[in-house]
C-alpha atoms as a PDB file:
ATOM      1  CA  MET A   1      -9.609 -31.090 -65.260  1.00  0.00           C
ATOM      2  CA  ARG A   2      -6.833 -33.443 -64.003  1.00  0.00           C
ATOM      3  CA  HIS A   3      -5.011 -33.256 -67.175  1.00  0.00           C
ATOM      4  CA  LEU A   4      -4.990 -29.408 -66.909  1.00  0.00           C
ATOM      5  CA  ARG A   5      -3.488 -29.609 -63.406  1.00  0.00           C
ATOM      6  CA  VAL A   6      -0.688 -31.879 -64.560  1.00  0.00           C
ATOM      7  CA  THR A   7      -0.016 -29.690 -67.586  1.00  0.00           C
ATOM      8  CA  ARG A   8       0.222 -26.563 -65.395  1.00  0.00           C
ATOM      9  CA  ALA A   9       2.633 -28.439 -63.023  1.00  0.00           C
ATOM     10  CA  ARG A  10       4.869 -29.357 -66.028  1.00  0.00           C
ATOM     11  CA  ILE A  11       4.902 -25.741 -67.278  1.00  0.00           C
ATOM     12  CA  LEU A  12       5.688 -24.474 -63.784  1.00  0.00           C
ATOM     13  CA  SER A  13       8.428 -27.133 -63.530  1.00  0.00           C
ATOM     14  CA  ALA A  14      10.066 -25.965 -66.828  1.00  0.00           C
ATOM     15  CA  LEU A  15      10.048 -22.309 -65.707  1.00  0.00           C
ATOM     16  CA  LEU A  16      11.610 -23.007 -62.298  1.00  0.00           C
ATOM     17  CA  LEU A  17      14.389 -25.249 -63.835  1.00  0.00           C
ATOM     18  CA  ILE A  18      15.638 -22.549 -66.263  1.00  0.00           C
ATOM     19  CA  PRO A  19      17.756 -20.514 -63.824  1.00  0.00           C
ATOM     20  CA  VAL A  20      19.157 -23.079 -61.329  1.00  0.00           C
ATOM     21  CA  THR A  21      19.318 -26.648 -60.109  1.00  0.00           C
ATOM     22  CA  VAL A  22      18.459 -26.765 -56.447  1.00  0.00           C
ATOM     23  CA  GLY A  23      17.002 -30.153 -55.784  1.00  0.00           C
ATOM     24  CA  CYS A  24      13.993 -28.310 -54.173  1.00  0.00           C
ATOM     25  CA  GLY A  25      10.530 -28.963 -55.051  1.00  0.00           C
ATOM     26  CA  GLY A  26       7.609 -26.927 -56.394  1.00  0.00           C
ATOM     27  CA  LYS A  27       4.466 -26.553 -54.389  1.00  0.00           C
ATOM     28  CA  THR A  28       0.988 -27.267 -55.279  1.00  0.00           C
ATOM     29  CA  ASP A  29      -2.213 -26.866 -53.276  1.00  0.00           C
ATOM     30  CA  THR A  30      -3.226 -30.521 -52.933  1.00  0.00           C
ATOM     31  CA  PRO A  31      -1.453 -33.854 -52.665  1.00  0.00           C
ATOM     32  CA  PRO A  32      -1.219 -36.050 -55.832  1.00  0.00           C
ATOM     33  CA  THR A  33      -4.222 -38.210 -56.629  1.00  0.00           C
ATOM     34  CA  GLN A  34      -4.836 -41.125 -58.956  1.00  0.00           C
ATOM     35  CA  SER A  35      -8.060 -42.304 -60.484  1.00  0.00           C
ATOM     36  CA  GLY A  36      -6.698 -45.727 -60.984  1.00  0.00           C
ATOM     37  CA  PRO A  37      -3.677 -47.863 -61.069  1.00  0.00           C
ATOM     38  CA  ALA A  38      -1.735 -45.646 -63.416  1.00  0.00           C
ATOM     39  CA  ASN A  39       1.421 -44.076 -61.932  1.00  0.00           C
ATOM     40  CA  THR A  40       0.526 -40.420 -62.365  1.00  0.00           C
ATOM     41  CA  THR A  41       1.930 -37.621 -60.182  1.00  0.00           C
ATOM     42  CA  PRO A  42       2.645 -33.914 -60.678  1.00  0.00           C
ATOM     43  CA  ALA A  43       5.771 -33.157 -62.577  1.00  0.00           C
ATOM     44  CA  SER A  44       8.778 -32.742 -60.304  1.00  0.00           C
ATOM     45  CA  THR A  45      10.584 -29.405 -60.073  1.00  0.00           C
ATOM     46  CA  THR A  46      13.466 -30.964 -58.229  1.00  0.00           C
ATOM     47  CA  GLN A  47      16.082 -31.192 -60.815  1.00  0.00           C
ATOM     48  CA  THR A  48      17.315 -30.005 -64.259  1.00  0.00           C
ATOM     49  CA  PRO A  49      17.331 -32.574 -67.026  1.00  0.00           C
ATOM     50  CA  THR A  50      20.810 -33.641 -65.943  1.00  0.00           C
ATOM     51  CA  SER A  51      19.201 -35.793 -63.072  1.00  0.00           C
ATOM     52  CA  GLY A  52      16.469 -37.580 -64.927  1.00  0.00           C
ATOM     53  CA  GLY A  53      12.781 -36.947 -65.007  1.00  0.00           C
ATOM     54  CA  THR A  54       9.411 -38.500 -64.816  1.00  0.00           C
ATOM     55  CA  LYS A  55       8.512 -41.660 -66.528  1.00  0.00           C
ATOM     56  CA  GLY A  56       7.727 -41.168 -70.194  1.00  0.00           C
ATOM     57  CA  ALA A  57       9.342 -37.742 -70.224  1.00  0.00           C
ATOM     58  CA  GLY A  58      11.908 -38.573 -72.812  1.00  0.00           C
ATOM     59  CA  PRO A  59      15.207 -40.517 -73.186  1.00  0.00           C
ATOM     60  CA  GLU A  60      17.022 -41.345 -69.898  1.00  0.00           C
ATOM     61  CA  VAL A  61      19.947 -39.159 -69.001  1.00  0.00           C
ATOM     62  CA  PRO A  62      23.013 -39.512 -66.634  1.00  0.00           C
ATOM     63  CA  ALA A  63      22.399 -39.590 -62.958  1.00  0.00           C
ATOM     64  CA  PRO A  64      23.825 -36.662 -60.811  1.00  0.00           C
ATOM     65  CA  PRO A  65      26.895 -37.334 -58.754  1.00  0.00           C
ATOM     66  CA  PRO A  66      26.443 -39.097 -55.417  1.00  0.00           C
ATOM     67  CA  ALA A  67      25.524 -36.847 -52.557  1.00  0.00           C
ATOM     68  CA  GLU A  68      27.783 -36.380 -49.529  1.00  0.00           C
ATOM     69  CA  ASP A  69      26.848 -38.262 -46.269  1.00  0.00           C
ATOM     70  CA  LEU A  70      25.476 -35.466 -44.259  1.00  0.00           C
ATOM     71  CA  THR A  71      23.839 -37.548 -41.527  1.00  0.00           C
ATOM     72  CA  LYS A  72      26.346 -36.213 -38.965  1.00  0.00           C
ATOM     73  CA  ALA A  73      26.810 -32.763 -40.426  1.00  0.00           C
ATOM     74  CA  LYS A  74      25.777 -29.749 -38.550  1.00  0.00           C
ATOM     75  CA  PRO A  75      23.276 -27.730 -40.626  1.00  0.00           C
ATOM     76  CA  ASP A  76      23.921 -24.081 -41.289  1.00  0.00           C
ATOM     77  CA  VAL A  77      20.324 -23.245 -41.947  1.00  0.00           C
ATOM     78  CA  VAL A  78      17.026 -25.034 -41.049  1.00  0.00           C
ATOM     79  CA  PHE A  79      13.805 -24.666 -43.024  1.00  0.00           C
ATOM     80  CA  GLU A  80      10.384 -26.082 -43.141  1.00  0.00           C
ATOM     81  CA  ALA A  81      10.060 -27.543 -46.643  1.00  0.00           C
ATOM     82  CA  ALA A  82       7.250 -25.177 -47.755  1.00  0.00           C
ATOM     83  CA  LYS A  83       9.276 -22.151 -46.571  1.00  0.00           C
ATOM     84  CA  LEU A  84      12.356 -23.224 -48.593  1.00  0.00           C
ATOM     85  CA  THR A  85      10.256 -23.630 -51.684  1.00  0.00           C
ATOM     86  CA  ASN A  86       8.660 -20.156 -51.300  1.00  0.00           C
ATOM     87  CA  GLU A  87      12.034 -18.509 -50.851  1.00  0.00           C
ATOM     88  CA  LEU A  88      13.489 -20.285 -53.833  1.00  0.00           C
ATOM     89  CA  ARG A  89      10.512 -19.209 -56.000  1.00  0.00           C
ATOM     90  CA  GLU A  90      10.763 -15.628 -54.927  1.00  0.00           C
ATOM     91  CA  ASN A  91      14.398 -15.319 -56.177  1.00  0.00           C
ATOM     92  CA  SER A  92      16.386 -18.411 -57.030  1.00  0.00           C
ATOM     93  CA  GLY A  93      19.429 -16.391 -57.750  1.00  0.00           C
ATOM     94  CA  ALA A  94      19.510 -14.694 -54.420  1.00  0.00           C
ATOM     95  CA  PHE A  95      18.824 -18.080 -52.843  1.00  0.00           C
ATOM     96  CA  LEU A  96      21.978 -19.489 -54.309  1.00  0.00           C
ATOM     97  CA  GLU A  97      24.077 -16.541 -53.515  1.00  0.00           C
ATOM     98  CA  LYS A  98      22.853 -16.674 -49.847  1.00  0.00           C
ATOM     99  CA  TYR A  99      23.212 -20.343 -49.209  1.00  0.00           C
ATOM    100  CA  SER A 100      25.941 -21.695 -51.491  1.00  0.00           C
ATOM    101  CA  GLY A 101      28.450 -23.745 -49.593  1.00  0.00           C
ATOM    102  CA  LYS A 102      26.017 -24.265 -46.697  1.00  0.00           C
ATOM    103  CA  VAL A 103      24.400 -27.326 -45.314  1.00  0.00           C
ATOM    104  CA  ILE A 104      20.614 -26.902 -45.539  1.00  0.00           C
ATOM    105  CA  GLU A 105      18.206 -28.884 -43.397  1.00  0.00           C
ATOM    106  CA  ILE A 106      14.505 -29.172 -44.183  1.00  0.00           C
ATOM    107  CA  GLY A 107      11.606 -30.932 -42.445  1.00  0.00           C
ATOM    108  CA  GLY A 108       8.027 -31.702 -42.998  1.00  0.00           C
ATOM    109  CA  LYS A 109       5.373 -34.464 -43.326  1.00  0.00           C
ATOM    110  CA  VAL A 110       5.661 -36.986 -46.112  1.00  0.00           C
ATOM    111  CA  VAL A 111       2.607 -36.839 -48.198  1.00  0.00           C
ATOM    112  CA  GLY A 112       3.706 -39.001 -51.149  1.00  0.00           C
ATOM    113  CA  TYR A 113       6.539 -40.243 -53.233  1.00  0.00           C
ATOM    114  CA  ASP A 114       7.750 -40.877 -56.768  1.00  0.00           C
ATOM    115  CA  GLN A 115      10.611 -42.478 -58.733  1.00  0.00           C
ATOM    116  CA  THR A 116      12.747 -41.157 -61.583  1.00  0.00           C
ATOM    117  CA  SER A 117      12.792 -42.686 -65.003  1.00  0.00           C
ATOM    118  CA  ARG A 118      16.022 -44.366 -64.239  1.00  0.00           C
ATOM    119  CA  GLY A 119      14.284 -46.423 -61.554  1.00  0.00           C
ATOM    120  CA  ASP A 120      17.148 -46.066 -59.103  1.00  0.00           C
ATOM    121  CA  THR A 121      16.427 -42.741 -57.314  1.00  0.00           C
ATOM    122  CA  GLY A 122      13.324 -41.760 -55.365  1.00  0.00           C
ATOM    123  CA  ARG A 123      11.645 -38.512 -54.579  1.00  0.00           C
ATOM    124  CA  LEU A 124       9.635 -37.620 -51.518  1.00  0.00           C
ATOM    125  CA  PHE A 125       6.676 -35.238 -51.483  1.00  0.00           C
ATOM    126  CA  ILE A 126       6.702 -33.192 -48.310  1.00  0.00           C
ATOM    127  CA  GLY A 127       3.787 -31.098 -47.119  1.00  0.00           C
ATOM    128  CA  PRO A 128       2.121 -28.829 -46.531  1.00  0.00           C
ATOM    129  CA  GLY A 129       1.391 -28.709 -50.210  1.00  0.00           C
ATOM    130  CA  ILE A 130       3.660 -30.809 -52.448  1.00  0.00           C
ATOM    131  CA  ASN A 131       7.382 -30.010 -52.228  1.00  0.00           C
ATOM    132  CA  ILE A 132       9.266 -32.453 -54.181  1.00  0.00           C
ATOM    133  CA  TYR A 133      12.781 -33.537 -53.126  1.00  0.00           C
ATOM    134  CA  GLU A 134      15.102 -36.006 -54.905  1.00  0.00           C
ATOM    135  CA  CYS A 135      16.865 -38.191 -52.386  1.00  0.00           C
ATOM    136  CA  ALA A 136      20.273 -39.749 -52.323  1.00  0.00           C
ATOM    137  CA  ASP A 137      18.712 -42.965 -50.996  1.00  0.00           C
ATOM    138  CA  PRO A 138      17.481 -44.978 -53.965  1.00  0.00           C
ATOM    139  CA  ARG A 139      14.297 -46.088 -52.109  1.00  0.00           C
ATOM    140  CA  PRO A 140      13.482 -43.154 -49.619  1.00  0.00           C
ATOM    141  CA  MET A 141       9.782 -44.163 -49.388  1.00  0.00           C
ATOM    142  CA  THR A 142      10.778 -47.395 -47.563  1.00  0.00           C
ATOM    143  CA  LYS A 143      12.384 -45.351 -44.816  1.00  0.00           C
ATOM    144  CA  ALA A 144      10.191 -42.198 -44.706  1.00  0.00           C
ATOM    145  CA  MET A 145       6.660 -43.155 -45.517  1.00  0.00           C
ATOM    146  CA  PRO A 146       3.484 -41.080 -46.000  1.00  0.00           C
ATOM    147  CA  GLY A 147       2.244 -39.763 -42.597  1.00  0.00           C
ATOM    148  CA  GLN A 148       5.707 -39.686 -41.046  1.00  0.00           C
ATOM    149  CA  LYS A 149       7.821 -36.563 -40.346  1.00  0.00           C
ATOM    150  CA  VAL A 150      11.145 -36.616 -42.188  1.00  0.00           C
ATOM    151  CA  THR A 151      14.216 -34.463 -41.869  1.00  0.00           C
ATOM    152  CA  LEU A 152      16.397 -34.009 -44.923  1.00  0.00           C
ATOM    153  CA  ARG A 153      19.827 -32.429 -45.269  1.00  0.00           C
ATOM    154  CA  GLY A 154      21.743 -31.246 -48.391  1.00  0.00           C
ATOM    155  CA  MET A 155      24.713 -29.333 -49.427  1.00  0.00           C
ATOM    156  CA  CYS A 156      24.011 -26.248 -51.472  1.00  0.00           C
ATOM    157  CA  LYS A 157      26.694 -26.087 -54.101  1.00  0.00           C
ATOM    158  CA  PRO A 158      27.788 -22.858 -55.878  1.00  0.00           C
ATOM    159  CA  GLY A 159      25.831 -22.406 -59.105  1.00  0.00           C
ATOM    160  CA  LEU A 160      24.080 -25.703 -58.699  1.00  0.00           C
ATOM    161  CA  GLY A 161      22.200 -25.943 -55.439  1.00  0.00           C
ATOM    162  CA  VAL A 162      21.370 -29.220 -53.825  1.00  0.00           C
ATOM    163  CA  ASN A 163      21.569 -32.226 -56.121  1.00  0.00           C
ATOM    164  CA  GLN A 164      20.161 -34.822 -53.682  1.00  0.00           C
ATOM    165  CA  TRP A 165      19.018 -34.835 -50.142  1.00  0.00           C
ATOM    166  CA  THR A 166      20.021 -37.221 -47.388  1.00  0.00           C
ATOM    167  CA  ILE A 167      17.483 -38.604 -44.816  1.00  0.00           C
ATOM    168  CA  VAL A 168      18.716 -37.898 -41.366  1.00  0.00           C
ATOM    169  CA  ALA A 169      15.715 -38.553 -39.195  1.00  0.00           C
ATOM    170  CA  VAL A 170      12.193 -40.034 -39.397  1.00  0.00           C
ATOM    171  CA  GLU A 171       9.560 -39.625 -36.770  1.00  0.00           C
ATOM    172  CA  GLY A 172       6.035 -41.034 -36.397  1.00  0.00           C
ATOM    173  CA  ASP A 173       4.169 -44.236 -37.176  1.00  0.00           C
ATOM    174  CA  PRO A 174       4.309 -45.741 -40.596  1.00  0.00           C
ATOM    175  CA  PRO A 175       0.967 -46.368 -42.512  1.00  0.00           C
ATOM    176  CA  PRO A 176      -1.192 -49.101 -40.988  1.00  0.00           C
ATOM    177  CA  THR A 177      -0.424 -52.730 -41.890  1.00  0.00           C
ATOM    178  CA  VAL A 178      -3.065 -55.168 -42.948  1.00  0.00           C
ATOM    179  CA  SER A 179      -2.884 -58.660 -44.411  1.00  0.00           C
ATOM    180  CA  ALA A 180      -4.300 -59.287 -47.898  1.00  0.00           C
ATOM    181  CA  GLU A 181      -6.559 -61.855 -46.423  1.00  0.00           C
ATOM    182  CA  GLN A 182      -8.011 -59.419 -43.874  1.00  0.00           C
ATOM    183  CA  LEU A 183      -8.384 -56.701 -46.492  1.00  0.00           C
ATOM    184  CA  ALA A 184     -10.363 -59.065 -48.764  1.00  0.00           C
ATOM    185  CA  LYS A 185     -12.567 -60.132 -45.929  1.00  0.00           C
ATOM    186  CA  GLU A 186     -13.381 -56.623 -44.856  1.00  0.00           C
ATOM    187  CA  TYR A 187     -14.290 -55.658 -48.348  1.00  0.00           C
ATOM    188  CA  LYS A 188     -16.401 -58.746 -48.896  1.00  0.00           C
ATOM    189  CA  GLU A 189     -18.343 -57.998 -45.715  1.00  0.00           C
ATOM    190  CA  ASN A 190     -18.996 -54.315 -46.526  1.00  0.00           C
ATOM    191  CA  GLU A 191     -17.590 -52.778 -49.680  1.00  0.00           C
ATOM    192  CA  ASP A 192     -18.714 -49.239 -49.043  1.00  0.00           C
ATOM    193  CA  LYS A 193     -17.498 -49.021 -45.547  1.00  0.00           C
ATOM    194  CA  THR A 194     -14.085 -50.585 -46.391  1.00  0.00           C
ATOM    195  CA  ALA A 195     -13.672 -48.332 -49.380  1.00  0.00           C
ATOM    196  CA  GLU A 196     -14.460 -45.274 -47.270  1.00  0.00           C
ATOM    197  CA  LYS A 197     -12.012 -46.464 -44.556  1.00  0.00           C
ATOM    198  CA  TYR A 198      -8.953 -46.788 -46.855  1.00  0.00           C
ATOM    199  CA  ARG A 199      -9.600 -44.693 -49.859  1.00  0.00           C
ATOM    200  CA  GLY A 200      -6.973 -42.094 -50.484  1.00  0.00           C
ATOM    201  CA  LYS A 201      -4.740 -43.522 -47.691  1.00  0.00           C
ATOM    202  CA  HIS A 202      -1.484 -45.377 -47.853  1.00  0.00           C
ATOM    203  CA  LEU A 203      -1.300 -48.998 -46.506  1.00  0.00           C
ATOM    204  CA  ILE A 204       1.239 -51.654 -45.937  1.00  0.00           C
ATOM    205  CA  VAL A 205      -0.340 -54.893 -47.171  1.00  0.00           C
ATOM    206  CA  THR A 206       1.259 -58.290 -46.362  1.00  0.00           C
ATOM    207  CA  GLY A 207       0.813 -61.590 -48.173  1.00  0.00           C
ATOM    208  CA  SER A 208       2.354 -63.986 -50.714  1.00  0.00           C
ATOM    209  CA  ILE A 209       2.463 -63.493 -54.391  1.00  0.00           C
ATOM    210  CA  GLN A 210      -0.219 -65.574 -56.030  1.00  0.00           C
ATOM    211  CA  GLU A 211      -0.288 -64.243 -59.565  1.00  0.00           C
ATOM    212  CA  LEU A 212       1.845 -61.854 -61.762  1.00  0.00           C
ATOM    213  CA  LYS A 213       0.665 -59.983 -64.764  1.00  0.00           C
ATOM    214  CA  LYS A 214       3.097 -57.777 -66.731  1.00  0.00           C
ATOM    215  CA  GLU A 215       1.356 -55.310 -68.944  1.00  0.00           C
ATOM    216  CA  ILE A 216       2.157 -51.578 -68.710  1.00  0.00           C
ATOM    217  CA  GLY A 217       3.633 -52.302 -65.404  1.00  0.00           C
ATOM    218  CA  THR A 218       3.436 -55.276 -63.082  1.00  0.00           C
ATOM    219  CA  ASN A 219       0.137 -56.341 -61.301  1.00  0.00           C
ATOM    220  CA  VAL A 220       0.749 -58.525 -58.248  1.00  0.00           C
ATOM    221  CA  THR A 221      -2.224 -60.393 -56.834  1.00  0.00           C
ATOM    222  CA  LEU A 222      -1.890 -61.335 -53.129  1.00  0.00           C
ATOM    223  CA  THR A 223      -5.077 -63.438 -52.927  1.00  0.00           C
ATOM    224  CA  PRO A 224      -5.708 -66.938 -54.451  1.00  0.00           C
ATOM    225  CA  PRO A 225      -6.610 -67.110 -58.250  1.00  0.00           C
ATOM    226  CA  GLY A 226     -10.322 -66.790 -58.692  1.00  0.00           C
ATOM    227  CA  GLN A 227     -11.060 -65.424 -55.170  1.00  0.00           C
ATOM    228  CA  LYS A 228     -13.308 -62.406 -55.166  1.00  0.00           C
ATOM    229  CA  PRO A 229     -12.399 -59.786 -54.236  1.00  0.00           C
ATOM    230  CA  ALA A 230      -8.827 -59.857 -55.392  1.00  0.00           C
ATOM    231  CA  VAL A 231      -6.244 -57.807 -53.633  1.00  0.00           C
ATOM    232  CA  VAL A 232      -4.046 -56.418 -56.397  1.00  0.00           C
ATOM    233  CA  CYS A 233      -0.800 -54.253 -56.142  1.00  0.00           C
ATOM    234  CA  PHE A 234       0.101 -52.184 -59.147  1.00  0.00           C
ATOM    235  CA  PHE A 235       3.812 -51.554 -59.784  1.00  0.00           C
ATOM    236  CA  GLY A 236       4.818 -49.162 -62.560  1.00  0.00           C
ATOM    237  CA  GLY A 237       7.227 -49.875 -65.353  1.00  0.00           C
ATOM    238  CA  ASP A 238      10.256 -48.800 -63.373  1.00  0.00           C
ATOM    239  CA  PHE A 239       9.478 -51.212 -60.665  1.00  0.00           C
ATOM    240  CA  GLU A 240       9.007 -53.987 -63.213  1.00  0.00           C
ATOM    241  CA  ARG A 241      12.531 -53.353 -64.569  1.00  0.00           C
ATOM    242  CA  ILE A 242      14.020 -53.421 -61.008  1.00  0.00           C
ATOM    243  CA  ALA A 243      12.123 -56.652 -60.325  1.00  0.00           C
ATOM    244  CA  GLU A 244      13.450 -58.318 -63.403  1.00  0.00           C
ATOM    245  CA  GLN A 245      17.003 -57.265 -62.604  1.00  0.00           C
ATOM    246  CA  SER A 246      16.895 -58.375 -58.913  1.00  0.00           C
ATOM    247  CA  GLU A 247      14.267 -61.143 -59.024  1.00  0.00           C
ATOM    248  CA  LEU A 248      12.189 -59.443 -56.333  1.00  0.00           C
ATOM    249  CA  PHE A 249       8.989 -60.832 -57.734  1.00  0.00           C
ATOM    250  CA  LYS A 250       8.623 -64.611 -57.371  1.00  0.00           C
ATOM    251  CA  SER A 251       5.442 -66.551 -57.172  1.00  0.00           C
ATOM    252  CA  GLY A 252       4.800 -67.756 -53.611  1.00  0.00           C
ATOM    253  CA  LYS A 253       7.165 -65.191 -52.179  1.00  0.00           C
ATOM    254  CA  SER A 254       5.991 -63.542 -48.989  1.00  0.00           C
ATOM    255  CA  VAL A 255       6.037 -59.702 -49.422  1.00  0.00           C
ATOM    256  CA  ARG A 256       5.269 -56.411 -47.699  1.00  0.00           C
ATOM    257  CA  VAL A 257       3.958 -53.807 -50.039  1.00  0.00           C
ATOM    258  CA  LEU A 258       3.449 -50.113 -49.560  1.00  0.00           C
ATOM    259  CA  GLY A 259       0.821 -48.619 -51.736  1.00  0.00           C
ATOM    260  CA  GLU A 260      -2.081 -46.146 -51.972  1.00  0.00           C
ATOM    261  CA  TRP A 261      -5.765 -47.193 -52.119  1.00  0.00           C
ATOM    262  CA  VAL A 262      -7.146 -44.853 -54.722  1.00  0.00           C
ATOM    263  CA  SER A 263     -10.338 -46.489 -55.915  1.00  0.00           C
ATOM    264  CA  GLY A 264     -13.289 -48.490 -54.487  1.00  0.00           C
ATOM    265  CA  ALA A 265     -11.859 -51.921 -55.075  1.00  0.00           C
ATOM    266  CA  PRO A 266      -8.984 -53.287 -53.048  1.00  0.00           C
ATOM    267  CA  THR A 267      -6.271 -52.249 -55.581  1.00  0.00           C
ATOM    268  CA  LEU A 268      -3.150 -50.368 -54.421  1.00  0.00           C
ATOM    269  CA  SER A 269      -1.289 -48.016 -56.699  1.00  0.00           C
ATOM    270  CA  MET A 270       2.215 -46.527 -56.534  1.00  0.00           C
ATOM    271  CA  CYS A 271       3.364 -49.770 -54.932  1.00  0.00           C
ATOM    272  CA  VAL A 272       6.819 -50.390 -53.427  1.00  0.00           C
ATOM    273  CA  LEU A 273       8.248 -53.629 -52.064  1.00  0.00           C
ATOM    274  CA  LEU A 274       9.412 -53.131 -48.449  1.00  0.00           C
ATOM    275  CA  PRO A 275      12.242 -54.975 -46.804  1.00  0.00           C
ATOM    276  CA  PRO A 276      11.278 -57.997 -44.775  1.00  0.00           C
ATOM    277  CA  THR A 277      10.657 -57.373 -41.064  1.00  0.00           C
ATOM    278  CA  LYS A 278      13.474 -58.502 -38.862  1.00  0.00           C
END
C-alpha cells in the first residue's frame, strides 16, 4: 500500500511539473511516514528537473540560480501554504499570469523535511497536508523544525514561478531535546511506554559519536559499543557525502541530531546534524 501511495505521488508530481515551474508543493492527505531507517518521502512537486530531484531519481542536474534575499521585502500577496497549492493546482497558467513579478509570502506548520539529490538544498513540508517547498537555505530544517510555524517568501518570476523560498520568520518551540543516555535509560526501563511516547515524533538527541557504520547511508551510534539498547541515528547517502566533504562526523565528537523516531527501537531516521548550541 505504501508503494502505491508513493507511486501516485510521483505521477501527480510529473503532471504538475509539465506546465510550469513554481517552487510550490503538491498536497497529500497525510504526513510522510517511514517503516524503518530508509529515507523515503513522497515525491516533491516543487521543481522541474532543472532543480534536482529526490535521491535515486536519476542523474544529478544543475542547481537553480540563487534566490533573492527577500527577508526585508514587502509581500504583495500572503497565502497559507495549502491555499497556494490549491490555487496552483486549479490553474497554474492563471496563477503565473496573476502573480508574476510579485513577492509571495506563505505560512504554515512544518510537518517534515527532505533534501535534494545534490545534497545542498533542502525542502520543507508545510501543513496541513504536505505542501513541499524548496528553500534557498541549504539546511532549512535546522532553522524551521517540525512543529514550528514558518513564514517563507519568494519572487514569482514570469514564466517560471518561484525557484526557491526564503525563510523570513520561525515561531514556536523546536522538537524536545533528550540525551542519548536518557533515551536509552527510558527505553530499557519500559520499551512499550517509551516507544509510544516518541513514535512518529521528531526529537533532538544529544550525545557523542561512539560508532560509525557506512552502508547505504551513515549509521551513527550515540551510546557505548555493546550497550543495549543502542541509540542510532540514520543519515541518508546525501548526508554521508556532506559529512565526508566537511568532516562533520568524527568519533568522539559531541553532536546534536534532529531526527524522527519511526519504529519501536530507539533509532532515528531522516537525521540532520544541528549547529552547536551557543
